[in-house]
Amino acid sequence: MSTLPAPNDKKFELAPAGTHLATCYRIIDLGTQSSSYLGQAKRQHKILISWELPEERMADGRPFTIGQRYTWSMSEKAALRRDLESWRGVPFTERDFGPTGFDIKNILGKSCLLNIVHVNKNGKDYANIASISRLMKGQQAPGKPENEPIYLWINPDRWDSSLFAKLSDGMKGLIMQSPEYASLINGHDDEPPPVDANDCYDDPIPF
């Protein structure tokens, strides 16, 4: 048919502003991505961390989710290090780094408090994460996230093609642009062990 289709004006539901209980359910390695800052092109290794808000529900009953992209860096000024240290409540030490140190997978299934703010940019509204902190003393953490836990790293020991297939087309396309993905596909097809989303929420430090 050549008749015009009905417009799709469905408005995207923004995660509500304020401080919310949240659980990390997704960690995705995006590989090296191109971006620009102040007119200068940059290529940086990026990751995506996503949380669900179990106490805040969309119109269809599902929990709201929100994600944050980070540069894969643990320098003292890096946003990833700042947010992880704020979340765990204690700074990292030298022994946390290196091949046998802190594994980013440790945050999968862990809970925190997210401070979410709404901003308007170029006429569009966005929900952004302003800060992350650990749960307050005595605060009960929720159980397992309702969304399927996803940990996907562009590494032959941790790559899972079945999880990759579940991502949105846009997310898959972004990952496929990275040189890490090209190297993985051209050289390896190994599958990692399954993700274990069981957690212990009673630890004095969450991860």
N, C-alpha and C. Protein backbone atom coordinates (compact mmCIF):
# COMPACT_ATOMS: atom_id res chain seq x y z
N MET A 1 0.84 -1.20 0.00
CA MET A 1 0.00 0.00 0.00
C MET A 1 0.87 1.24 0.00
N SER A 2 0.36 2.30 -0.62
CA SER A 2 1.12 3.55 -0.71
C SER A 2 0.59 4.63 0.23
N THR A 3 -0.36 4.25 1.10
CA THR A 3 -0.88 5.23 2.05
C THR A 3 0.15 5.51 3.13
N LEU A 4 0.16 6.73 3.63
CA LEU A 4 1.14 7.11 4.65
C LEU A 4 0.89 6.36 5.95
N PRO A 5 1.95 5.90 6.61
CA PRO A 5 1.76 5.20 7.89
C PRO A 5 1.43 6.18 8.99
N ALA A 6 0.77 5.67 10.03
CA ALA A 6 0.47 6.52 11.18
C ALA A 6 1.78 6.89 11.88
N PRO A 7 1.89 8.13 12.35
CA PRO A 7 3.14 8.53 13.02
C PRO A 7 3.34 7.79 14.31
N ASN A 8 4.59 7.50 14.61
CA ASN A 8 4.93 6.83 15.86
C ASN A 8 5.43 7.88 16.83
N ASP A 9 4.52 8.43 17.60
CA ASP A 9 4.86 9.52 18.52
C ASP A 9 4.97 9.05 19.96
N LYS A 10 5.16 7.75 20.14
CA LYS A 10 5.26 7.23 21.50
C LYS A 10 6.46 7.84 22.21
N LYS A 11 6.21 8.43 23.36
CA LYS A 11 7.26 9.12 24.10
C LYS A 11 8.03 8.13 24.97
N PHE A 12 9.34 8.24 24.91
CA PHE A 12 10.19 7.38 25.71
C PHE A 12 10.04 7.75 27.18
N GLU A 13 9.86 6.74 28.03
CA GLU A 13 9.69 6.99 29.46
C GLU A 13 11.06 7.18 30.12
N LEU A 14 11.25 8.37 30.68
CA LEU A 14 12.50 8.66 31.37
C LEU A 14 12.49 8.08 32.77
N ALA A 15 13.61 7.53 33.19
CA ALA A 15 13.73 7.14 34.59
C ALA A 15 13.50 8.37 35.46
N PRO A 16 12.72 8.26 36.53
CA PRO A 16 12.38 9.44 37.33
C PRO A 16 13.59 10.06 38.01
N ALA A 17 13.55 11.37 38.14
CA ALA A 17 14.62 12.08 38.84
C ALA A 17 14.55 11.78 40.33
N GLY A 18 15.69 11.90 41.01
CA GLY A 18 15.75 11.66 42.45
C GLY A 18 16.75 10.57 42.77
N THR A 19 16.77 10.17 44.03
CA THR A 19 17.67 9.11 44.49
C THR A 19 16.91 7.80 44.56
N HIS A 20 17.46 6.77 43.91
CA HIS A 20 16.74 5.51 43.77
C HIS A 20 17.63 4.32 44.08
N LEU A 21 17.02 3.29 44.65
CA LEU A 21 17.67 2.00 44.80
C LEU A 21 17.86 1.40 43.42
N ALA A 22 19.05 0.89 43.15
CA ALA A 22 19.35 0.36 41.81
C ALA A 22 20.23 -0.88 41.93
N THR A 23 20.11 -1.75 40.93
CA THR A 23 20.92 -2.96 40.86
C THR A 23 21.55 -3.07 39.49
N CYS A 24 22.85 -3.31 39.45
CA CYS A 24 23.55 -3.46 38.18
C CYS A 24 23.16 -4.79 37.54
N TYR A 25 22.69 -4.74 36.30
CA TYR A 25 22.32 -5.97 35.61
C TYR A 25 23.05 -6.16 34.30
N ARG A 26 23.84 -5.16 33.88
CA ARG A 26 24.47 -5.31 32.58
C ARG A 26 25.81 -4.58 32.54
N ILE A 27 26.85 -5.28 32.05
CA ILE A 27 28.17 -4.69 31.83
C ILE A 27 28.60 -5.11 30.43
N ILE A 28 28.83 -4.13 29.56
CA ILE A 28 29.15 -4.43 28.17
C ILE A 28 30.41 -3.68 27.76
N ASP A 29 31.35 -4.43 27.23
CA ASP A 29 32.55 -3.85 26.64
C ASP A 29 32.22 -3.36 25.24
N LEU A 30 32.38 -2.06 25.00
CA LEU A 30 32.07 -1.48 23.69
C LEU A 30 33.29 -1.40 22.78
N GLY A 31 34.46 -1.73 23.31
CA GLY A 31 35.66 -1.64 22.51
C GLY A 31 36.11 -0.20 22.31
N THR A 32 37.07 0.00 21.45
CA THR A 32 37.59 1.34 21.17
C THR A 32 36.64 2.07 20.24
N GLN A 33 36.18 3.25 20.69
CA GLN A 33 35.20 4.04 19.95
C GLN A 33 35.76 5.42 19.64
N SER A 34 35.31 5.99 18.53
CA SER A 34 35.72 7.33 18.13
C SER A 34 34.73 8.35 18.68
N SER A 35 35.25 9.47 19.13
CA SER A 35 34.42 10.56 19.63
C SER A 35 35.18 11.86 19.42
N SER A 36 34.51 12.95 19.70
CA SER A 36 35.17 14.25 19.58
C SER A 36 34.91 15.06 20.84
N TYR A 37 35.89 15.85 21.23
CA TYR A 37 35.78 16.71 22.40
C TYR A 37 36.47 18.02 22.09
N LEU A 38 35.69 19.10 22.15
CA LEU A 38 36.21 20.44 21.83
C LEU A 38 36.84 20.46 20.44
N GLY A 39 36.18 19.76 19.52
CA GLY A 39 36.62 19.77 18.14
C GLY A 39 37.76 18.82 17.83
N GLN A 40 38.24 18.09 18.81
CA GLN A 40 39.34 17.17 18.59
C GLN A 40 38.85 15.72 18.62
N ALA A 41 39.26 14.95 17.61
CA ALA A 41 38.87 13.54 17.54
C ALA A 41 39.64 12.72 18.57
N LYS A 42 38.95 11.77 19.19
CA LYS A 42 39.57 10.90 20.18
C LYS A 42 39.13 9.46 19.94
N ARG A 43 39.97 8.53 20.26
CA ARG A 43 39.63 7.11 20.23
C ARG A 43 39.91 6.55 21.61
N GLN A 44 38.87 6.07 22.25
CA GLN A 44 38.98 5.59 23.63
C GLN A 44 38.22 4.29 23.80
N HIS A 45 38.74 3.46 24.68
CA HIS A 45 38.07 2.21 25.03
C HIS A 45 36.89 2.56 25.95
N LYS A 46 35.68 2.13 25.57
CA LYS A 46 34.47 2.47 26.31
C LYS A 46 33.78 1.21 26.83
N ILE A 47 33.09 1.36 27.93
CA ILE A 47 32.22 0.30 28.45
C ILE A 47 30.86 0.90 28.80
N LEU A 48 29.85 0.06 28.91
CA LEU A 48 28.52 0.48 29.32
C LEU A 48 28.12 -0.30 30.57
N ILE A 49 27.68 0.42 31.59
CA ILE A 49 27.14 -0.20 32.80
C ILE A 49 25.67 0.21 32.91
N SER A 50 24.79 -0.76 33.13
CA SER A 50 23.36 -0.47 33.23
C SER A 50 22.80 -0.98 34.55
N TRP A 51 21.81 -0.25 35.06
CA TRP A 51 21.15 -0.59 36.30
C TRP A 51 19.65 -0.65 36.08
N GLU A 52 18.96 -1.44 36.90
CA GLU A 52 17.51 -1.37 36.94
C GLU A 52 17.08 -0.79 38.28
N LEU A 53 15.94 -0.11 38.27
CA LEU A 53 15.39 0.53 39.46
C LEU A 53 14.17 -0.28 39.91
N PRO A 54 14.34 -1.23 40.82
CA PRO A 54 13.26 -2.16 41.14
C PRO A 54 12.03 -1.51 41.78
N GLU A 55 12.19 -0.35 42.37
CA GLU A 55 11.05 0.30 43.03
C GLU A 55 10.36 1.33 42.14
N GLU A 56 10.85 1.51 40.93
CA GLU A 56 10.26 2.48 40.00
C GLU A 56 9.83 1.74 38.74
N ARG A 57 8.53 1.84 38.39
CA ARG A 57 7.98 1.03 37.31
C ARG A 57 7.48 1.88 36.15
N MET A 58 7.72 1.37 34.95
CA MET A 58 7.18 2.00 33.76
C MET A 58 5.69 1.67 33.63
N ALA A 59 5.05 2.25 32.62
CA ALA A 59 3.61 2.07 32.45
C ALA A 59 3.24 0.60 32.24
N ASP A 60 4.16 -0.18 31.64
CA ASP A 60 3.86 -1.59 31.40
C ASP A 60 4.24 -2.50 32.56
N GLY A 61 4.70 -1.91 33.67
CA GLY A 61 5.02 -2.69 34.86
C GLY A 61 6.46 -3.10 34.99
N ARG A 62 7.25 -2.96 33.95
CA ARG A 62 8.66 -3.32 34.04
C ARG A 62 9.44 -2.26 34.81
N PRO A 63 10.54 -2.64 35.47
CA PRO A 63 11.34 -1.64 36.17
C PRO A 63 12.06 -0.72 35.18
N PHE A 64 12.19 0.55 35.57
CA PHE A 64 12.99 1.46 34.77
C PHE A 64 14.43 0.97 34.76
N THR A 65 15.13 1.28 33.68
CA THR A 65 16.56 1.01 33.59
C THR A 65 17.28 2.28 33.15
N ILE A 66 18.55 2.35 33.46
CA ILE A 66 19.37 3.49 33.06
C ILE A 66 20.82 3.01 32.91
N GLY A 67 21.53 3.59 31.96
CA GLY A 67 22.90 3.17 31.72
C GLY A 67 23.84 4.35 31.67
N GLN A 68 25.10 4.05 31.83
CA GLN A 68 26.15 5.07 31.78
C GLN A 68 27.35 4.52 31.03
N ARG A 69 27.84 5.28 30.05
CA ARG A 69 29.06 4.90 29.34
C ARG A 69 30.27 5.50 30.06
N TYR A 70 31.32 4.70 30.14
CA TYR A 70 32.55 5.13 30.79
C TYR A 70 33.74 4.84 29.89
N THR A 71 34.75 5.69 29.99
CA THR A 71 36.04 5.36 29.42
C THR A 71 36.69 4.30 30.30
N TRP A 72 37.25 3.27 29.68
CA TRP A 72 37.86 2.16 30.42
C TRP A 72 39.21 2.62 30.96
N SER A 73 39.15 3.33 32.08
CA SER A 73 40.35 3.88 32.70
C SER A 73 40.15 3.94 34.20
N MET A 74 41.22 3.67 34.93
CA MET A 74 41.17 3.78 36.38
C MET A 74 42.18 4.82 36.88
N SER A 75 42.49 5.81 36.05
CA SER A 75 43.33 6.90 36.51
C SER A 75 42.60 7.66 37.61
N GLU A 76 43.32 8.44 38.38
CA GLU A 76 42.72 9.11 39.53
C GLU A 76 41.60 10.08 39.14
N LYS A 77 41.65 10.60 37.92
CA LYS A 77 40.63 11.54 37.47
C LYS A 77 39.52 10.88 36.64
N ALA A 78 39.61 9.58 36.43
CA ALA A 78 38.64 8.89 35.58
C ALA A 78 37.27 8.81 36.26
N ALA A 79 36.21 9.02 35.47
CA ALA A 79 34.84 8.95 36.00
C ALA A 79 34.51 7.56 36.50
N LEU A 80 35.04 6.51 35.82
CA LEU A 80 34.77 5.15 36.26
C LEU A 80 35.32 4.90 37.66
N ARG A 81 36.55 5.30 37.90
CA ARG A 81 37.13 5.11 39.22
C ARG A 81 36.38 5.92 40.27
N ARG A 82 36.03 7.16 39.94
CA ARG A 82 35.29 8.01 40.88
C ARG A 82 33.98 7.35 41.30
N ASP A 83 33.23 6.85 40.32
CA ASP A 83 31.92 6.28 40.65
C ASP A 83 32.04 4.94 41.37
N LEU A 84 33.01 4.12 40.98
CA LEU A 84 33.18 2.85 41.67
C LEU A 84 33.62 3.04 43.12
N GLU A 85 34.51 4.00 43.35
CA GLU A 85 34.95 4.27 44.73
C GLU A 85 33.82 4.84 45.57
N SER A 86 33.00 5.70 44.97
CA SER A 86 31.85 6.23 45.69
C SER A 86 30.86 5.13 46.02
N TRP A 87 30.69 4.20 45.09
CA TRP A 87 29.77 3.08 45.26
C TRP A 87 30.25 2.14 46.37
N ARG A 88 31.51 1.78 46.35
CA ARG A 88 32.02 0.81 47.33
C ARG A 88 32.32 1.45 48.68
N GLY A 89 32.47 2.78 48.71
CA GLY A 89 32.65 3.48 49.98
C GLY A 89 34.07 3.58 50.45
N VAL A 90 35.00 2.99 49.74
CA VAL A 90 36.42 3.06 50.09
C VAL A 90 37.22 3.20 48.81
N PRO A 91 38.37 3.87 48.84
CA PRO A 91 39.17 4.02 47.63
C PRO A 91 39.88 2.73 47.24
N PHE A 92 40.21 2.62 45.99
CA PHE A 92 41.02 1.50 45.53
C PHE A 92 42.46 1.68 45.99
N THR A 93 43.15 0.58 46.14
CA THR A 93 44.57 0.61 46.47
C THR A 93 45.35 -0.04 45.32
N GLU A 94 46.64 0.05 45.37
CA GLU A 94 47.47 -0.48 44.29
C GLU A 94 47.25 -1.98 44.07
N ARG A 95 46.98 -2.71 45.14
CA ARG A 95 46.78 -4.16 44.98
C ARG A 95 45.47 -4.50 44.27
N ASP A 96 44.58 -3.51 44.12
CA ASP A 96 43.33 -3.77 43.41
C ASP A 96 43.53 -3.79 41.89
N PHE A 97 44.65 -3.30 41.41
CA PHE A 97 44.88 -3.19 39.97
C PHE A 97 45.77 -4.32 39.47
N GLY A 98 45.87 -4.41 38.14
CA GLY A 98 46.73 -5.42 37.55
C GLY A 98 45.99 -6.70 37.23
N PRO A 99 46.68 -7.69 36.70
CA PRO A 99 46.05 -8.95 36.24
C PRO A 99 45.29 -9.70 37.32
N THR A 100 45.72 -9.61 38.56
CA THR A 100 45.05 -10.35 39.63
C THR A 100 44.24 -9.44 40.54
N GLY A 101 44.00 -8.21 40.12
CA GLY A 101 43.29 -7.25 40.96
C GLY A 101 41.79 -7.24 40.72
N PHE A 102 41.20 -6.08 40.80
CA PHE A 102 39.76 -5.92 40.73
C PHE A 102 39.21 -6.31 39.36
N ASP A 103 38.15 -7.10 39.35
CA ASP A 103 37.48 -7.53 38.12
C ASP A 103 36.16 -6.78 38.04
N ILE A 104 35.94 -6.04 36.94
CA ILE A 104 34.73 -5.24 36.79
C ILE A 104 33.47 -6.10 36.86
N LYS A 105 33.59 -7.39 36.55
CA LYS A 105 32.43 -8.29 36.62
C LYS A 105 31.87 -8.39 38.03
N ASN A 106 32.69 -8.03 39.03
CA ASN A 106 32.26 -8.13 40.43
C ASN A 106 31.06 -7.25 40.74
N ILE A 107 30.82 -6.21 39.95
CA ILE A 107 29.70 -5.31 40.27
C ILE A 107 28.37 -5.83 39.74
N LEU A 108 28.39 -6.87 38.89
CA LEU A 108 27.15 -7.40 38.34
C LEU A 108 26.27 -7.96 39.46
N GLY A 109 25.03 -7.50 39.54
CA GLY A 109 24.11 -7.93 40.58
C GLY A 109 24.21 -7.17 41.87
N LYS A 110 25.17 -6.25 41.98
CA LYS A 110 25.33 -5.47 43.20
C LYS A 110 24.40 -4.25 43.18
N SER A 111 24.01 -3.83 44.36
CA SER A 111 23.06 -2.72 44.49
C SER A 111 23.73 -1.45 44.98
N CYS A 112 23.09 -0.34 44.69
CA CYS A 112 23.62 0.97 45.08
C CYS A 112 22.48 1.97 45.11
N LEU A 113 22.82 3.21 45.37
CA LEU A 113 21.88 4.32 45.25
C LEU A 113 22.32 5.19 44.09
N LEU A 114 21.40 5.46 43.17
CA LEU A 114 21.67 6.33 42.03
C LEU A 114 20.94 7.65 42.22
N ASN A 115 21.65 8.74 42.05
CA ASN A 115 21.03 10.06 42.00
C ASN A 115 20.84 10.42 40.54
N ILE A 116 19.59 10.50 40.10
CA ILE A 116 19.26 10.74 38.70
C ILE A 116 18.72 12.15 38.52
N VAL A 117 19.20 12.83 37.51
CA VAL A 117 18.72 14.18 37.20
C VAL A 117 18.23 14.21 35.76
N HIS A 118 17.28 15.11 35.48
CA HIS A 118 16.79 15.30 34.12
C HIS A 118 17.42 16.55 33.53
N VAL A 119 17.86 16.43 32.30
CA VAL A 119 18.46 17.56 31.59
C VAL A 119 17.82 17.67 30.21
N ASN A 120 17.80 18.89 29.68
CA ASN A 120 17.28 19.12 28.34
C ASN A 120 18.42 19.55 27.44
N LYS A 121 18.60 18.84 26.34
CA LYS A 121 19.67 19.15 25.40
C LYS A 121 19.12 19.13 24.00
N ASN A 122 19.26 20.25 23.32
CA ASN A 122 18.77 20.39 21.94
C ASN A 122 17.31 20.02 21.82
N GLY A 123 16.53 20.43 22.82
CA GLY A 123 15.09 20.21 22.79
C GLY A 123 14.63 18.84 23.23
N LYS A 124 15.56 17.98 23.65
CA LYS A 124 15.19 16.64 24.10
C LYS A 124 15.53 16.47 25.57
N ASP A 125 14.68 15.73 26.28
CA ASP A 125 14.90 15.47 27.69
C ASP A 125 15.66 14.16 27.87
N TYR A 126 16.59 14.16 28.82
CA TYR A 126 17.39 12.98 29.11
C TYR A 126 17.44 12.75 30.62
N ALA A 127 17.56 11.49 31.01
CA ALA A 127 17.80 11.13 32.41
C ALA A 127 19.27 10.76 32.55
N ASN A 128 20.00 11.48 33.39
CA ASN A 128 21.43 11.24 33.57
C ASN A 128 21.74 10.85 35.01
N ILE A 129 22.78 10.06 35.19
CA ILE A 129 23.24 9.69 36.52
C ILE A 129 24.17 10.78 37.03
N ALA A 130 23.77 11.45 38.11
CA ALA A 130 24.58 12.51 38.69
C ALA A 130 25.61 11.96 39.66
N SER A 131 25.25 10.92 40.40
CA SER A 131 26.18 10.33 41.37
C SER A 131 25.73 8.93 41.75
N ILE A 132 26.68 8.17 42.28
CA ILE A 132 26.44 6.80 42.73
C ILE A 132 26.98 6.67 44.15
N SER A 133 26.24 6.00 45.02
CA SER A 133 26.72 5.79 46.38
C SER A 133 26.29 4.41 46.87
N ARG A 134 26.93 3.95 47.92
CA ARG A 134 26.58 2.65 48.49
C ARG A 134 25.28 2.76 49.26
N LEU A 135 24.65 1.63 49.54
CA LEU A 135 23.42 1.63 50.32
C LEU A 135 23.68 2.18 51.71
N MET A 136 22.66 2.80 52.28
CA MET A 136 22.79 3.31 53.64
C MET A 136 22.84 2.15 54.64
N LYS A 137 23.43 2.40 55.79
CA LYS A 137 23.57 1.37 56.80
C LYS A 137 22.20 0.81 57.17
N GLY A 138 22.08 -0.51 57.08
CA GLY A 138 20.83 -1.18 57.41
C GLY A 138 19.83 -1.23 56.28
N GLN A 139 20.13 -0.60 55.15
CA GLN A 139 19.21 -0.60 54.02
C GLN A 139 19.21 -1.96 53.34
N GLN A 140 18.03 -2.48 53.06
CA GLN A 140 17.89 -3.80 52.46
C GLN A 140 18.12 -3.75 50.96
N ALA A 141 18.99 -4.59 50.47
CA ALA A 141 19.21 -4.68 49.02
C ALA A 141 18.15 -5.58 48.40
N PRO A 142 17.75 -5.30 47.17
CA PRO A 142 16.78 -6.16 46.50
C PRO A 142 17.41 -7.49 46.12
N GLY A 143 16.59 -8.40 45.63
CA GLY A 143 17.11 -9.68 45.18
C GLY A 143 17.72 -9.55 43.79
N LYS A 144 17.72 -10.66 43.06
CA LYS A 144 18.28 -10.65 41.72
C LYS A 144 17.52 -9.68 40.82
N PRO A 145 18.19 -9.07 39.87
CA PRO A 145 17.48 -8.16 38.96
C PRO A 145 16.47 -8.92 38.10
N GLU A 146 15.40 -8.25 37.73
CA GLU A 146 14.39 -8.86 36.87
C GLU A 146 14.90 -9.00 35.43
N ASN A 147 15.70 -8.02 34.99
CA ASN A 147 16.29 -8.13 33.67
C ASN A 147 17.38 -9.19 33.67
N GLU A 148 17.54 -9.85 32.56
CA GLU A 148 18.57 -10.89 32.46
C GLU A 148 19.96 -10.28 32.68
N PRO A 149 20.74 -10.83 33.61
CA PRO A 149 22.10 -10.33 33.80
C PRO A 149 22.94 -10.57 32.56
N ILE A 150 23.63 -9.54 32.11
CA ILE A 150 24.47 -9.66 30.92
C ILE A 150 25.86 -9.12 31.25
N TYR A 151 26.84 -9.96 31.05
CA TYR A 151 28.23 -9.54 31.12
C TYR A 151 28.87 -9.95 29.81
N LEU A 152 29.31 -8.97 29.03
CA LEU A 152 29.85 -9.26 27.71
C LEU A 152 31.13 -8.47 27.51
N TRP A 153 32.22 -9.19 27.34
CA TRP A 153 33.53 -8.55 27.17
C TRP A 153 34.15 -9.04 25.86
N ILE A 154 34.74 -8.12 25.12
CA ILE A 154 35.31 -8.49 23.82
C ILE A 154 36.68 -9.13 24.04
N ASN A 155 36.62 -10.35 24.50
CA ASN A 155 37.81 -11.12 24.83
C ASN A 155 37.50 -12.58 24.58
N PRO A 156 38.38 -13.34 23.99
CA PRO A 156 38.06 -14.73 23.66
C PRO A 156 37.67 -15.57 24.87
N ASP A 157 38.15 -15.22 26.05
CA ASP A 157 37.81 -15.99 27.25
C ASP A 157 36.47 -15.61 27.85
N ARG A 158 35.91 -14.48 27.43
CA ARG A 158 34.68 -14.00 28.05
C ARG A 158 33.58 -13.65 27.05
N TRP A 159 33.83 -13.86 25.80
CA TRP A 159 32.85 -13.53 24.78
C TRP A 159 31.74 -14.58 24.74
N ASP A 160 30.50 -14.12 24.58
CA ASP A 160 29.35 -15.01 24.50
C ASP A 160 28.48 -14.54 23.35
N SER A 161 28.52 -15.24 22.23
CA SER A 161 27.77 -14.82 21.04
C SER A 161 26.27 -14.85 21.27
N SER A 162 25.79 -15.71 22.17
CA SER A 162 24.35 -15.76 22.43
C SER A 162 23.88 -14.50 23.15
N LEU A 163 24.71 -13.96 24.05
CA LEU A 163 24.37 -12.70 24.70
C LEU A 163 24.47 -11.54 23.72
N PHE A 164 25.48 -11.56 22.88
CA PHE A 164 25.62 -10.52 21.87
C PHE A 164 24.38 -10.45 20.98
N ALA A 165 23.82 -11.59 20.63
CA ALA A 165 22.65 -11.64 19.77
C ALA A 165 21.42 -11.01 20.42
N LYS A 166 21.40 -10.93 21.74
CA LYS A 166 20.25 -10.37 22.45
C LYS A 166 20.30 -8.84 22.54
N LEU A 167 21.42 -8.23 22.17
CA LEU A 167 21.53 -6.78 22.25
C LEU A 167 20.74 -6.13 21.12
N SER A 168 20.45 -4.84 21.30
CA SER A 168 19.76 -4.09 20.25
C SER A 168 20.66 -3.98 19.03
N ASP A 169 20.05 -3.74 17.88
CA ASP A 169 20.84 -3.60 16.66
C ASP A 169 21.83 -2.45 16.77
N GLY A 170 21.40 -1.36 17.42
CA GLY A 170 22.30 -0.22 17.58
C GLY A 170 23.51 -0.56 18.43
N MET A 171 23.30 -1.31 19.51
CA MET A 171 24.39 -1.69 20.39
C MET A 171 25.33 -2.66 19.68
N LYS A 172 24.76 -3.61 18.96
CA LYS A 172 25.60 -4.55 18.22
C LYS A 172 26.43 -3.82 17.17
N GLY A 173 25.81 -2.88 16.47
CA GLY A 173 26.53 -2.13 15.45
C GLY A 173 27.69 -1.34 16.03
N LEU A 174 27.47 -0.77 17.22
CA LEU A 174 28.52 0.00 17.88
C LEU A 174 29.71 -0.89 18.22
N ILE A 175 29.43 -2.05 18.78
CA ILE A 175 30.50 -2.98 19.15
C ILE A 175 31.24 -3.47 17.90
N MET A 176 30.50 -3.72 16.85
CA MET A 176 31.10 -4.25 15.63
C MET A 176 32.03 -3.26 14.95
N GLN A 177 31.92 -1.98 15.29
CA GLN A 177 32.81 -0.97 14.74
C GLN A 177 34.19 -1.00 15.38
N SER A 178 34.31 -1.65 16.52
CA SER A 178 35.56 -1.60 17.28
C SER A 178 36.60 -2.54 16.71
N PRO A 179 37.87 -2.17 16.79
CA PRO A 179 38.94 -3.08 16.33
C PRO A 179 39.03 -4.33 17.19
N GLU A 180 38.63 -4.24 18.45
CA GLU A 180 38.66 -5.41 19.32
C GLU A 180 37.70 -6.50 18.81
N TYR A 181 36.54 -6.07 18.33
CA TYR A 181 35.57 -7.03 17.80
C TYR A 181 36.12 -7.69 16.54
N ALA A 182 36.71 -6.88 15.65
CA ALA A 182 37.27 -7.43 14.42
C ALA A 182 38.35 -8.46 14.73
N SER A 183 39.20 -8.16 15.72
CA SER A 183 40.25 -9.08 16.10
C SER A 183 39.68 -10.36 16.69
N LEU A 184 38.63 -10.21 17.50
CA LEU A 184 38.00 -11.38 18.12
C LEU A 184 37.40 -12.30 17.08
N ILE A 185 36.63 -11.73 16.16
CA ILE A 185 35.95 -12.54 15.16
C ILE A 185 36.94 -13.19 14.19
N ASN A 186 37.98 -12.50 13.90
CA ASN A 186 38.96 -13.04 12.95
C ASN A 186 39.87 -14.10 13.56
N GLY A 187 39.97 -14.06 14.90
CA GLY A 187 40.93 -14.96 15.51
C GLY A 187 40.39 -16.02 16.44
N HIS A 188 39.20 -15.79 17.03
CA HIS A 188 38.72 -16.70 18.07
C HIS A 188 37.21 -16.84 17.99
N ASP A 189 36.71 -17.97 18.51
CA ASP A 189 35.27 -18.17 18.66
C ASP A 189 34.96 -18.92 19.94
N ASP A 190 35.81 -18.73 20.94
CA ASP A 190 35.62 -19.44 22.20
C ASP A 190 34.43 -18.88 22.96
N GLU A 191 33.80 -19.70 23.79
CA GLU A 191 32.68 -19.28 24.63
C GLU A 191 33.13 -19.26 26.09
N PRO A 192 32.67 -18.26 26.88
CA PRO A 192 33.06 -18.17 28.28
C PRO A 192 32.15 -19.01 29.16
N PRO A 193 32.50 -19.20 30.43
CA PRO A 193 31.59 -19.87 31.35
C PRO A 193 30.36 -19.00 31.56
N PRO A 194 29.20 -19.59 31.95
CA PRO A 194 27.99 -18.79 32.13
C PRO A 194 28.13 -17.76 33.24
N VAL A 195 27.35 -16.66 33.12
CA VAL A 195 27.36 -15.61 34.13
C VAL A 195 26.71 -16.11 35.40
N ASP A 196 27.34 -15.87 36.52
CA ASP A 196 26.79 -16.22 37.82
C ASP A 196 26.31 -14.94 38.47
N ALA A 197 24.99 -14.76 38.60
CA ALA A 197 24.43 -13.52 39.15
C ALA A 197 24.13 -13.63 40.63
N ASN A 198 24.52 -14.71 41.29
CA ASN A 198 24.29 -14.83 42.72
C ASN A 198 25.25 -13.91 43.47
N ASP A 199 24.75 -13.26 44.50
CA ASP A 199 25.55 -12.26 45.20
C ASP A 199 25.41 -12.41 46.71
N CYS A 200 26.40 -11.87 47.40
CA CYS A 200 26.32 -11.76 48.86
C CYS A 200 26.23 -10.29 49.20
N TYR A 201 25.06 -9.87 49.70
CA TYR A 201 24.83 -8.46 49.96
C TYR A 201 25.23 -8.06 51.37
N ASP A 202 25.76 -9.00 52.15
CA ASP A 202 26.08 -8.70 53.54
C ASP A 202 27.53 -8.28 53.71
N ASP A 203 28.31 -8.28 52.65
CA ASP A 203 29.70 -7.88 52.76
C ASP A 203 29.79 -6.41 53.17
N PRO A 204 30.73 -6.04 54.05
CA PRO A 204 30.86 -4.64 54.44
C PRO A 204 31.23 -3.75 53.25
N ILE A 205 32.01 -4.28 52.29
CA ILE A 205 32.28 -3.58 51.03
C ILE A 205 31.56 -4.36 49.93
N PRO A 206 30.72 -3.70 49.13
CA PRO A 206 29.90 -4.45 48.18
C PRO A 206 30.68 -5.18 47.11
N PHE A 207 31.89 -4.72 46.77
CA PHE A 207 32.71 -5.42 45.78
C PHE A 207 34.15 -4.97 45.91
